[in-house]
Amino acid sequence: MFHRLRNTIPSLNGGGGTGSFEECSLDGASKTPGRLTKAVIITRAIEHINEMEAENQRMRVRYKSAVEENERLKQTVVELEVRLSL
């Protein structure tokens, strides 16, 4: 399970962030090269989940704004079509 978590989290799999493949205590001290503690993996997984939730919320706000703008534009088109048909 921890291997899957480590491979999924960008900061732990080399996909970004400051993570490295070293065993670290929560304060970042290296112990054994090549391994990460379960605590570090879980901590970084929680951080990653929080980042994804924040990004999801930002995207929801952007989506809602885009839908509202689309509705305004549709209304403008209808108004312009009415003017042109007069």
PDB file of N, CA and C in Angstrom:
ATOM      1  N   MET A   1       0.822  -1.193   0.000  1.00  0.00           N
ATOM      2  CA  MET A   1       0.000   0.000   0.000  1.00  0.00           C
ATOM      3  C   MET A   1       0.868   1.259   0.000  1.00  0.00           C
ATOM      4  N   PHE A   2       1.909   1.279   0.804  1.00  0.00           N
ATOM      5  CA  PHE A   2       2.737   2.474   0.880  1.00  0.00           C
ATOM      6  C   PHE A   2       3.533   2.693  -0.402  1.00  0.00           C
ATOM      7  N   HIS A   3       3.851   1.606  -1.098  1.00  0.00           N
ATOM      8  CA  HIS A   3       4.529   1.759  -2.392  1.00  0.00           C
ATOM      9  C   HIS A   3       3.602   2.447  -3.385  1.00  0.00           C
ATOM     10  N   ARG A   4       2.314   2.054  -3.386  1.00  0.00           N
ATOM     11  CA  ARG A   4       1.348   2.696  -4.289  1.00  0.00           C
ATOM     12  C   ARG A   4       1.181   4.163  -3.939  1.00  0.00           C
ATOM     13  N   LEU A   5       1.096   4.466  -2.640  1.00  0.00           N
ATOM     14  CA  LEU A   5       0.979   5.868  -2.223  1.00  0.00           C
ATOM     15  C   LEU A   5       2.201   6.656  -2.669  1.00  0.00           C
ATOM     16  N   ARG A   6       3.377   6.116  -2.398  1.00  0.00           N
ATOM     17  CA  ARG A   6       4.619   6.802  -2.757  1.00  0.00           C
ATOM     18  C   ARG A   6       4.690   7.043  -4.259  1.00  0.00           C
ATOM     19  N   ASN A   7       4.260   6.073  -5.038  1.00  0.00           N
ATOM     20  CA  ASN A   7       4.322   6.212  -6.492  1.00  0.00           C
ATOM     21  C   ASN A   7       3.255   7.143  -7.039  1.00  0.00           C
ATOM     22  N   THR A   8       2.193   7.375  -6.292  1.00  0.00           N
ATOM     23  CA  THR A   8       1.094   8.231  -6.729  1.00  0.00           C
ATOM     24  C   THR A   8       1.331   9.695  -6.402  1.00  0.00           C
ATOM     25  N   ILE A   9       2.026   9.968  -5.320  1.00  0.00           N
ATOM     26  CA  ILE A   9       2.217  11.339  -4.846  1.00  0.00           C
ATOM     27  C   ILE A   9       3.384  11.975  -5.594  1.00  0.00           C
ATOM     28  N   PRO A  10       3.121  13.073  -6.333  1.00  0.00           N
ATOM     29  CA  PRO A  10       4.172  13.691  -7.146  1.00  0.00           C
ATOM     30  C   PRO A  10       5.436  14.052  -6.366  1.00  0.00           C
ATOM     31  N   SER A  11       5.307  14.559  -5.155  1.00  0.00           N
ATOM     32  CA  SER A  11       6.496  14.976  -4.413  1.00  0.00           C
ATOM     33  C   SER A  11       7.314  13.787  -3.925  1.00  0.00           C
ATOM     34  N   LEU A  12       6.776  12.591  -4.011  1.00  0.00           N
ATOM     35  CA  LEU A  12       7.505  11.401  -3.578  1.00  0.00           C
ATOM     36  C   LEU A  12       8.002  10.548  -4.732  1.00  0.00           C
ATOM     37  N   ASN A  13       7.428  10.724  -5.915  1.00  0.00           N
ATOM     38  CA  ASN A  13       7.815   9.861  -7.033  1.00  0.00           C
ATOM     39  C   ASN A  13       8.702  10.569  -8.045  1.00  0.00           C
ATOM     40  N   GLY A  14       9.245  11.703  -7.661  1.00  0.00           N
ATOM     41  CA  GLY A  14      10.113  12.431  -8.573  1.00  0.00           C
ATOM     42  C   GLY A  14       9.362  13.324  -9.526  1.00  0.00           C
ATOM     43  N   GLY A  15       8.036  13.448  -9.365  1.00  0.00           N
ATOM     44  CA  GLY A  15       7.226  14.254 -10.257  1.00  0.00           C
ATOM     45  C   GLY A  15       7.098  15.696  -9.835  1.00  0.00           C
ATOM     46  N   GLY A  16       7.882  16.124  -8.895  1.00  0.00           N
ATOM     47  CA  GLY A  16       7.816  17.510  -8.445  1.00  0.00           C
ATOM     48  C   GLY A  16       7.931  17.585  -6.947  1.00  0.00           C
ATOM     49  N   GLY A  17       8.011  18.774  -6.443  1.00  0.00           N
ATOM     50  CA  GLY A  17       8.142  18.970  -5.011  1.00  0.00           C
ATOM     51  C   GLY A  17       9.549  18.698  -4.544  1.00  0.00           C
ATOM     52  N   THR A  18       9.716  18.592  -3.246  1.00  0.00           N
ATOM     53  CA  THR A  18      11.049  18.429  -2.678  1.00  0.00           C
ATOM     54  C   THR A  18      11.314  17.013  -2.226  1.00  0.00           C
ATOM     55  N   GLY A  19      10.385  16.102  -2.507  1.00  0.00           N
ATOM     56  CA  GLY A  19      10.536  14.739  -2.021  1.00  0.00           C
ATOM     57  C   GLY A  19      11.708  14.033  -2.666  1.00  0.00           C
ATOM     58  N   SER A  20      12.346  13.165  -1.890  1.00  0.00           N
ATOM     59  CA  SER A  20      13.402  12.332  -2.427  1.00  0.00           C
ATOM     60  C   SER A  20      13.169  10.926  -1.912  1.00  0.00           C
ATOM     61  N   PHE A  21      13.834   9.984  -2.493  1.00  0.00           N
ATOM     62  CA  PHE A  21      13.658   8.613  -2.071  1.00  0.00           C
ATOM     63  C   PHE A  21      14.613   8.297  -0.937  1.00  0.00           C
ATOM     64  N   GLU A  22      14.445   8.983   0.157  1.00  0.00           N
ATOM     65  CA  GLU A  22      15.216   8.727   1.357  1.00  0.00           C
ATOM     66  C   GLU A  22      14.251   8.564   2.505  1.00  0.00           C
ATOM     67  N   GLU A  23      14.649   7.773   3.478  1.00  0.00           N
ATOM     68  CA  GLU A  23      13.823   7.657   4.663  1.00  0.00           C
ATOM     69  C   GLU A  23      14.042   8.909   5.481  1.00  0.00           C
ATOM     70  N   CYS A  24      12.970   9.583   5.825  1.00  0.00           N
ATOM     71  CA  CYS A  24      13.063  10.848   6.528  1.00  0.00           C
ATOM     72  C   CYS A  24      12.175  10.814   7.749  1.00  0.00           C
ATOM     73  N   SER A  25      12.625  11.467   8.792  1.00  0.00           N
ATOM     74  CA  SER A  25      11.729  11.698   9.913  1.00  0.00           C
ATOM     75  C   SER A  25      10.844  12.865   9.534  1.00  0.00           C
ATOM     76  N   LEU A  26       9.871  13.189  10.365  1.00  0.00           N
ATOM     77  CA  LEU A  26       8.958  14.276  10.022  1.00  0.00           C
ATOM     78  C   LEU A  26       9.664  15.610   9.920  1.00  0.00           C
ATOM     79  N   ASP A  27      10.829  15.748  10.560  1.00  0.00           N
ATOM     80  CA  ASP A  27      11.565  17.015  10.446  1.00  0.00           C
ATOM     81  C   ASP A  27      12.493  17.021   9.243  1.00  0.00           C
ATOM     82  N   GLY A  28      12.468  15.947   8.442  1.00  0.00           N
ATOM     83  CA  GLY A  28      13.234  15.906   7.201  1.00  0.00           C
ATOM     84  C   GLY A  28      14.609  15.287   7.331  1.00  0.00           C
ATOM     85  N   ALA A  29      14.994  14.822   8.519  1.00  0.00           N
ATOM     86  CA  ALA A  29      16.326  14.234   8.701  1.00  0.00           C
ATOM     87  C   ALA A  29      16.390  12.887   7.986  1.00  0.00           C
ATOM     88  N   SER A  30      17.450  12.678   7.227  1.00  0.00           N
ATOM     89  CA  SER A  30      17.613  11.450   6.459  1.00  0.00           C
ATOM     90  C   SER A  30      18.109  10.340   7.369  1.00  0.00           C
ATOM     91  N   LYS A  31      17.582   9.117   7.175  1.00  0.00           N
ATOM     92  CA  LYS A  31      18.031   7.970   7.953  1.00  0.00           C
ATOM     93  C   LYS A  31      18.684   6.938   7.043  1.00  0.00           C
ATOM     94  N   THR A  32      17.878   6.307   6.193  1.00  0.00           N
ATOM     95  CA  THR A  32      18.381   5.251   5.326  1.00  0.00           C
ATOM     96  C   THR A  32      18.063   5.591   3.880  1.00  0.00           C
ATOM     97  N   PRO A  33      19.076   5.739   3.024  1.00  0.00           N
ATOM     98  CA  PRO A  33      18.805   6.064   1.619  1.00  0.00           C
ATOM     99  C   PRO A  33      17.936   4.995   0.963  1.00  0.00           C
ATOM    100  N   GLY A  34      17.043   5.439   0.083  1.00  0.00           N
ATOM    101  CA  GLY A  34      16.242   4.513  -0.688  1.00  0.00           C
ATOM    102  C   GLY A  34      14.880   4.211  -0.108  1.00  0.00           C
ATOM    103  N   ARG A  35      14.600   4.648   1.109  1.00  0.00           N
ATOM    104  CA  ARG A  35      13.305   4.351   1.725  1.00  0.00           C
ATOM    105  C   ARG A  35      12.729   5.597   2.382  1.00  0.00           C
ATOM    106  N   LEU A  36      11.418   5.645   2.435  1.00  0.00           N
ATOM    107  CA  LEU A  36      10.713   6.713   3.135  1.00  0.00           C
ATOM    108  C   LEU A  36       9.952   6.094   4.295  1.00  0.00           C
ATOM    109  N   THR A  37       9.858   6.816   5.403  1.00  0.00           N
ATOM    110  CA  THR A  37       9.075   6.297   6.519  1.00  0.00           C
ATOM    111  C   THR A  37       7.600   6.345   6.158  1.00  0.00           C
ATOM    112  N   LYS A  38       6.838   5.490   6.786  1.00  0.00           N
ATOM    113  CA  LYS A  38       5.395   5.479   6.557  1.00  0.00           C
ATOM    114  C   LYS A  38       4.792   6.808   6.978  1.00  0.00           C
ATOM    115  N   ALA A  39       5.323   7.392   8.045  1.00  0.00           N
ATOM    116  CA  ALA A  39       4.808   8.686   8.521  1.00  0.00           C
ATOM    117  C   ALA A  39       4.996   9.766   7.470  1.00  0.00           C
ATOM    118  N   VAL A  40       6.150   9.778   6.808  1.00  0.00           N
ATOM    119  CA  VAL A  40       6.407  10.775   5.767  1.00  0.00           C
ATOM    120  C   VAL A  40       5.479  10.546   4.586  1.00  0.00           C
ATOM    121  N   ILE A  41       5.301   9.295   4.199  1.00  0.00           N
ATOM    122  CA  ILE A  41       4.416   8.991   3.075  1.00  0.00           C
ATOM    123  C   ILE A  41       2.994   9.436   3.388  1.00  0.00           C
ATOM    124  N   ILE A  42       2.513   9.127   4.586  1.00  0.00           N
ATOM    125  CA  ILE A  42       1.152   9.521   4.965  1.00  0.00           C
ATOM    126  C   ILE A  42       1.036  11.033   5.052  1.00  0.00           C
ATOM    127  N   THR A  43       2.034  11.687   5.642  1.00  0.00           N
ATOM    128  CA  THR A  43       2.008  13.150   5.754  1.00  0.00           C
ATOM    129  C   THR A  43       1.952  13.796   4.381  1.00  0.00           C
ATOM    130  N   ARG A  44       2.783  13.321   3.476  1.00  0.00           N
ATOM    131  CA  ARG A  44       2.793  13.899   2.130  1.00  0.00           C
ATOM    132  C   ARG A  44       1.526  13.547   1.365  1.00  0.00           C
ATOM    133  N   ALA A  45       0.955  12.379   1.630  1.00  0.00           N
ATOM    134  CA  ALA A  45      -0.317  12.010   0.996  1.00  0.00           C
ATOM    135  C   ALA A  45      -1.417  12.965   1.447  1.00  0.00           C
ATOM    136  N   ILE A  46      -1.436  13.275   2.736  1.00  0.00           N
ATOM    137  CA  ILE A  46      -2.426  14.220   3.260  1.00  0.00           C
ATOM    138  C   ILE A  46      -2.227  15.589   2.635  1.00  0.00           C
ATOM    139  N   GLU A  47      -0.975  16.038   2.534  1.00  0.00           N
ATOM    140  CA  GLU A  47      -0.691  17.331   1.900  1.00  0.00           C
ATOM    141  C   GLU A  47      -1.172  17.331   0.453  1.00  0.00           C
ATOM    142  N   HIS A  48      -0.910  16.244  -0.251  1.00  0.00           N
ATOM    143  CA  HIS A  48      -1.312  16.143  -1.658  1.00  0.00           C
ATOM    144  C   HIS A  48      -2.836  16.168  -1.786  1.00  0.00           C
ATOM    145  N   ILE A  49      -3.523  15.451  -0.911  1.00  0.00           N
ATOM    146  CA  ILE A  49      -4.990  15.450  -0.929  1.00  0.00           C
ATOM    147  C   ILE A  49      -5.513  16.852  -0.677  1.00  0.00           C
ATOM    148  N   ASN A  50      -4.930  17.554   0.297  1.00  0.00           N
ATOM    149  CA  ASN A  50      -5.361  18.929   0.583  1.00  0.00           C
ATOM    150  C   ASN A  50      -5.131  19.842  -0.616  1.00  0.00           C
ATOM    151  N   GLU A  51      -3.996  19.679  -1.296  1.00  0.00           N
ATOM    152  CA  GLU A  51      -3.714  20.477  -2.494  1.00  0.00           C
ATOM    153  C   GLU A  51      -4.737  20.178  -3.591  1.00  0.00           C
ATOM    154  N   MET A  52      -5.057  18.901  -3.777  1.00  0.00           N
ATOM    155  CA  MET A  52      -6.025  18.513  -4.805  1.00  0.00           C
ATOM    156  C   MET A  52      -7.422  19.039  -4.470  1.00  0.00           C
ATOM    157  N   GLU A  53      -7.789  19.013  -3.194  1.00  0.00           N
ATOM    158  CA  GLU A  53      -9.097  19.548  -2.797  1.00  0.00           C
ATOM    159  C   GLU A  53      -9.166  21.050  -3.043  1.00  0.00           C
ATOM    160  N   ALA A  54      -8.082  21.767  -2.738  1.00  0.00           N
ATOM    161  CA  ALA A  54      -8.052  23.214  -2.984  1.00  0.00           C
ATOM    162  C   ALA A  54      -8.139  23.494  -4.481  1.00  0.00           C
ATOM    163  N   GLU A  55      -7.409  22.724  -5.281  1.00  0.00           N
ATOM    164  CA  GLU A  55      -7.458  22.890  -6.737  1.00  0.00           C
ATOM    165  C   GLU A  55      -8.858  22.576  -7.264  1.00  0.00           C
ATOM    166  N   ASN A  56      -9.467  21.541  -6.728  1.00  0.00           N
ATOM    167  CA  ASN A  56     -10.828  21.177  -7.115  1.00  0.00           C
ATOM    168  C   ASN A  56     -11.786  22.324  -6.814  1.00  0.00           C
ATOM    169  N   GLN A  57     -11.650  22.941  -5.656  1.00  0.00           N
ATOM    170  CA  GLN A  57     -12.514  24.067  -5.297  1.00  0.00           C
ATOM    171  C   GLN A  57     -12.286  25.252  -6.241  1.00  0.00           C
ATOM    172  N   ARG A  58     -11.021  25.539  -6.559  1.00  0.00           N
ATOM    173  CA  ARG A  58     -10.728  26.627  -7.510  1.00  0.00           C
ATOM    174  C   ARG A  58     -11.362  26.340  -8.870  1.00  0.00           C
ATOM    175  N   MET A  59     -11.281  25.096  -9.308  1.00  0.00           N
ATOM    176  CA  MET A  59     -11.861  24.732 -10.596  1.00  0.00           C
ATOM    177  C   MET A  59     -13.387  24.829 -10.569  1.00  0.00           C
ATOM    178  N   ARG A  60     -14.008  24.497  -9.448  1.00  0.00           N
ATOM    179  CA  ARG A  60     -15.465  24.637  -9.325  1.00  0.00           C
ATOM    180  C   ARG A  60     -15.873  26.100  -9.449  1.00  0.00           C
ATOM    181  N   VAL A  61     -15.104  26.979  -8.814  1.00  0.00           N
ATOM    182  CA  VAL A  61     -15.396  28.416  -8.895  1.00  0.00           C
ATOM    183  C   VAL A  61     -15.247  28.894 -10.333  1.00  0.00           C
ATOM    184  N   ARG A  62     -14.170  28.470 -11.000  1.00  0.00           N
ATOM    185  CA  ARG A  62     -13.961  28.855 -12.400  1.00  0.00           C
ATOM    186  C   ARG A  62     -15.078  28.323 -13.287  1.00  0.00           C
ATOM    187  N   TYR A  63     -15.498  27.085 -13.043  1.00  0.00           N
ATOM    188  CA  TYR A  63     -16.577  26.486 -13.830  1.00  0.00           C
ATOM    189  C   TYR A  63     -17.865  27.276 -13.637  1.00  0.00           C
ATOM    190  N   LYS A  64     -18.195  27.581 -12.392  1.00  0.00           N
ATOM    191  CA  LYS A  64     -19.417  28.335 -12.107  1.00  0.00           C
ATOM    192  C   LYS A  64     -19.373  29.692 -12.790  1.00  0.00           C
ATOM    193  N   SER A  65     -18.226  30.343 -12.745  1.00  0.00           N
ATOM    194  CA  SER A  65     -18.065  31.640 -13.392  1.00  0.00           C
ATOM    195  C   SER A  65     -18.239  31.516 -14.906  1.00  0.00           C
ATOM    196  N   ALA A  66     -17.678  30.465 -15.490  1.00  0.00           N
ATOM    197  CA  ALA A  66     -17.801  30.254 -16.936  1.00  0.00           C
ATOM    198  C   ALA A  66     -19.249  29.981 -17.329  1.00  0.00           C
ATOM    199  N   VAL A  67     -19.964  29.214 -16.520  1.00  0.00           N
ATOM    200  CA  VAL A  67     -21.377  28.934 -16.801  1.00  0.00           C
ATOM    201  C   VAL A  67     -22.182  30.228 -16.740  1.00  0.00           C
ATOM    202  N   GLU A  68     -21.915  31.062 -15.727  1.00  0.00           N
ATOM    203  CA  GLU A  68     -22.627  32.337 -15.606  1.00  0.00           C
ATOM    204  C   GLU A  68     -22.327  33.250 -16.791  1.00  0.00           C
ATOM    205  N   GLU A  69     -21.068  33.301 -17.207  1.00  0.00           N
ATOM    206  CA  GLU A  69     -20.686  34.116 -18.365  1.00  0.00           C
ATOM    207  C   GLU A  69     -21.364  33.594 -19.627  1.00  0.00           C
ATOM    208  N   ASN A  70     -21.419  32.287 -19.771  1.00  0.00           N
ATOM    209  CA  ASN A  70     -22.082  31.677 -20.924  1.00  0.00           C
ATOM    210  C   ASN A  70     -23.558  32.061 -20.962  1.00  0.00           C
ATOM    211  N   GLU A  71     -24.213  32.032 -19.822  1.00  0.00           N
ATOM    212  CA  GLU A  71     -25.626  32.419 -19.764  1.00  0.00           C
ATOM    213  C   GLU A  71     -25.804  33.892 -20.133  1.00  0.00           C
ATOM    214  N   ARG A  72     -24.904  34.751 -19.646  1.00  0.00           N
ATOM    215  CA  ARG A  72     -24.986  36.176 -20.011  1.00  0.00           C
ATOM    216  C   ARG A  72     -24.807  36.362 -21.514  1.00  0.00           C
ATOM    217  N   LEU A  73     -23.869  35.644 -22.086  1.00  0.00           N
ATOM    218  CA  LEU A  73     -23.632  35.750 -23.526  1.00  0.00           C
ATOM    219  C   LEU A  73     -24.823  35.235 -24.331  1.00  0.00           C
ATOM    220  N   LYS A  74     -25.422  34.144 -23.876  1.00  0.00           N
ATOM    221  CA  LYS A  74     -26.621  33.638 -24.555  1.00  0.00           C
ATOM    222  C   LYS A  74     -27.734  34.679 -24.526  1.00  0.00           C
ATOM    223  N   GLN A  75     -27.909  35.328 -23.387  1.00  0.00           N
ATOM    224  CA  GLN A  75     -28.939  36.354 -23.263  1.00  0.00           C
ATOM    225  C   GLN A  75     -28.636  37.531 -24.190  1.00  0.00           C
ATOM    226  N   THR A  76     -27.376  37.904 -24.292  1.00  0.00           N
ATOM    227  CA  THR A  76     -26.980  38.988 -25.191  1.00  0.00           C
ATOM    228  C   THR A  76     -27.290  38.620 -26.635  1.00  0.00           C
ATOM    229  N   VAL A  77     -27.016  37.388 -27.017  1.00  0.00           N
ATOM    230  CA  VAL A  77     -27.310  36.927 -28.377  1.00  0.00           C
ATOM    231  C   VAL A  77     -28.806  37.019 -28.647  1.00  0.00           C
ATOM    232  N   VAL A  78     -29.615  36.574 -27.704  1.00  0.00           N
ATOM    233  CA  VAL A  78     -31.072  36.636 -27.874  1.00  0.00           C
ATOM    234  C   VAL A  78     -31.509  38.085 -28.041  1.00  0.00           C
ATOM    235  N   GLU A  79     -30.993  38.980 -27.214  1.00  0.00           N
ATOM    236  CA  GLU A  79     -31.356  40.400 -27.307  1.00  0.00           C
ATOM    237  C   GLU A  79     -30.950  40.988 -28.654  1.00  0.00           C
ATOM    238  N   LEU A  80     -29.768  40.646 -29.135  1.00  0.00           N
ATOM    239  CA  LEU A  80     -29.308  41.152 -30.431  1.00  0.00           C
ATOM    240  C   LEU A  80     -30.155  40.589 -31.572  1.00  0.00           C
ATOM    241  N   GLU A  81     -30.522  39.327 -31.484  1.00  0.00           N
ATOM    242  CA  GLU A  81     -31.380  38.735 -32.513  1.00  0.00           C
ATOM    243  C   GLU A  81     -32.740  39.425 -32.549  1.00  0.00           C
ATOM    244  N   VAL A  82     -33.270  39.759 -31.387  1.00  0.00           N
ATOM    245  CA  VAL A  82     -34.557  40.463 -31.325  1.00  0.00           C
ATOM    246  C   VAL A  82     -34.423  41.830 -31.969  1.00  0.00           C
ATOM    247  N   ARG A  83     -33.354  42.541 -31.679  1.00  0.00           N
ATOM    248  CA  ARG A  83     -33.140  43.870 -32.281  1.00  0.00           C
ATOM    249  C   ARG A  83     -33.036  43.777 -33.796  1.00  0.00           C
ATOM    250  N   LEU A  84     -32.325  42.775 -34.283  1.00  0.00           N
ATOM    251  CA  LEU A  84     -32.140  42.630 -35.726  1.00  0.00           C
ATOM    252  C   LEU A  84     -33.433  42.251 -36.440  1.00  0.00           C
ATOM    253  N   SER A  85     -34.304  41.560 -35.771  1.00  0.00           N
ATOM    254  CA  SER A  85     -35.547  41.133 -36.415  1.00  0.00           C
ATOM    255  C   SER A  85     -36.590  42.244 -36.466  1.00  0.00           C
ATOM    256  N   LEU A  86     -36.371  43.340 -35.756  1.00  0.00           N
ATOM    257  CA  LEU A  86     -37.345  44.450 -35.766  1.00  0.00           C
ATOM    258  C   LEU A  86     -37.253  45.233 -37.004  1.00  0.00           C
TER     259      LEU A  86
END
